[in-house]
Amino acid sequence: MGADPGEDTAYVLLAFVDVIEVLIIGHFWFKVPVRGDLGLILLLSGSLPSRARIGLFASTIANTQQEALLVVMMVLLPSIFLSGFFFPLDAMPAFLRLVSYAIPLRYYL
């Protein structure tokens, strides 16, 4: 996170407005139903500052910006693939399904 707390708050609020905008457009324009508790979705989406930990982790072990980018990709890509976003969890091998229980994105989706 940056040095100025006000700057961080502005980015978090902007990201939260983006989440609400996506939910509204998805529901009314694309007719995508919201399945689940809307309050829980908004609460989990409000935890956006915790996602900066991936960047902090990458910056502590990387020496260059390119290395940090690769570290972030090595963390995010398995999270996305094991969350059930691209592939159904039932189609995964049993071992990968067990690993997916440790991925927070699985529960958010």
Protein backbone atom coordinates (compact mmCIF):
# COMPACT_ATOMS: atom_id res chain seq x y z
CA MET A 1 0.00 0.00 0.00
CA GLY A 2 1.11 3.56 -0.53
CA ALA A 3 2.38 6.01 2.03
CA ASP A 4 -0.79 8.12 2.07
CA PRO A 5 -3.79 6.38 3.71
CA GLY A 6 -6.20 8.73 1.92
CA GLU A 7 -4.83 7.64 -1.43
CA ASP A 8 -5.30 3.97 -0.54
CA THR A 9 -8.85 4.64 0.61
CA ALA A 10 -9.66 6.34 -2.69
CA TYR A 11 -8.46 3.31 -4.65
CA VAL A 12 -10.42 0.91 -2.45
CA LEU A 13 -13.58 2.99 -2.80
CA LEU A 14 -13.13 3.18 -6.56
CA ALA A 15 -12.69 -0.60 -6.76
CA PHE A 16 -15.78 -1.10 -4.58
CA VAL A 17 -17.82 1.17 -6.90
CA ASP A 18 -16.58 -0.96 -9.80
CA VAL A 19 -17.84 -4.11 -8.07
CA ILE A 20 -21.28 -2.57 -7.55
CA GLU A 21 -21.33 -1.34 -11.15
CA VAL A 22 -20.51 -4.83 -12.48
CA LEU A 23 -23.23 -6.38 -10.32
CA ILE A 24 -25.85 -3.88 -11.53
CA ILE A 25 -24.92 -4.12 -15.21
CA GLY A 26 -24.67 -7.90 -15.03
CA HIS A 27 -28.08 -8.20 -13.42
CA PHE A 28 -30.10 -5.68 -15.40
CA TRP A 29 -28.40 -5.63 -18.80
CA PHE A 30 -27.11 -9.19 -19.19
CA LYS A 31 -29.85 -10.78 -17.01
CA VAL A 32 -27.33 -12.67 -14.87
CA PRO A 33 -29.01 -13.67 -11.61
CA VAL A 34 -27.16 -13.05 -8.37
CA ARG A 35 -27.18 -16.43 -6.64
CA GLY A 36 -26.22 -16.17 -3.05
CA ASP A 37 -26.28 -13.55 -0.37
CA LEU A 38 -25.76 -10.08 -1.86
CA GLY A 39 -24.56 -8.75 1.48
CA LEU A 40 -21.89 -11.44 1.68
CA ILE A 41 -20.76 -10.66 -1.87
CA LEU A 42 -20.40 -6.98 -0.99
CA LEU A 43 -18.65 -7.81 2.30
CA LEU A 44 -16.11 -10.05 0.59
CA SER A 45 -15.65 -7.51 -2.19
CA GLY A 46 -14.96 -4.93 0.48
CA SER A 47 -11.88 -6.87 1.51
CA LEU A 48 -10.02 -5.47 -1.50
CA PRO A 49 -7.08 -4.16 0.57
CA SER A 50 -6.20 -7.74 1.49
CA ARG A 51 -5.49 -8.42 -2.17
CA ALA A 52 -2.57 -6.04 -1.96
CA ARG A 53 -0.80 -8.73 0.04
CA ILE A 54 -0.03 -10.56 -3.19
CA GLY A 55 1.78 -7.47 -4.45
CA LEU A 56 3.57 -7.06 -1.15
CA PHE A 57 4.64 -10.71 -1.25
CA ALA A 58 5.90 -10.30 -4.82
CA SER A 59 7.82 -7.13 -4.01
CA THR A 60 9.60 -8.73 -1.07
CA ILE A 61 11.03 -11.65 -3.04
CA ALA A 62 11.59 -9.99 -6.42
CA ASN A 63 14.54 -7.84 -7.41
CA THR A 64 13.02 -6.33 -10.56
CA GLN A 65 9.60 -5.40 -11.81
CA GLN A 66 9.67 -8.26 -14.29
CA GLU A 67 10.35 -10.77 -11.52
CA ALA A 68 7.48 -9.33 -9.48
CA LEU A 69 5.14 -9.70 -12.46
CA LEU A 70 6.13 -13.34 -12.85
CA VAL A 71 5.63 -14.01 -9.13
CA VAL A 72 2.15 -12.48 -9.24
CA MET A 73 1.27 -14.58 -12.29
CA MET A 74 2.56 -17.72 -10.57
CA VAL A 75 0.22 -17.01 -7.64
CA LEU A 76 -2.85 -15.75 -9.50
CA LEU A 77 -3.05 -18.23 -12.37
CA PRO A 78 -3.30 -21.35 -10.18
CA SER A 79 -5.84 -19.53 -8.01
CA ILE A 80 -8.01 -18.75 -11.02
CA PHE A 81 -7.72 -22.22 -12.55
CA LEU A 82 -8.40 -24.02 -9.26
CA SER A 83 -11.31 -21.80 -8.22
CA GLY A 84 -13.82 -23.34 -10.60
CA PHE A 85 -14.04 -20.24 -12.77
CA PHE A 86 -12.78 -21.85 -15.99
CA PHE A 87 -13.30 -25.54 -15.29
CA PRO A 88 -15.97 -27.22 -13.17
CA LEU A 89 -14.62 -28.46 -9.86
CA ASP A 90 -16.30 -31.85 -10.42
CA ALA A 91 -14.21 -32.36 -13.58
CA MET A 92 -10.92 -31.90 -11.70
CA PRO A 93 -8.90 -34.79 -10.33
CA ALA A 94 -9.52 -35.50 -6.65
CA PHE A 95 -6.10 -34.13 -5.62
CA LEU A 96 -6.70 -30.76 -7.33
CA ARG A 97 -10.17 -30.56 -5.80
CA LEU A 98 -8.56 -30.95 -2.38
CA VAL A 99 -6.03 -28.24 -3.20
CA SER A 100 -8.85 -25.94 -4.35
CA TYR A 101 -10.28 -25.86 -0.81
CA ALA A 102 -7.26 -23.72 0.15
CA ILE A 103 -8.01 -21.15 -2.59
CA PRO A 104 -10.11 -18.22 -1.26
CA LEU A 105 -11.32 -17.42 -4.77
CA ARG A 106 -13.21 -20.72 -4.82
CA TYR A 107 -15.51 -19.48 -2.06
CA TYR A 108 -15.87 -15.97 -3.49
CA LEU A 109 -17.11 -17.31 -6.80
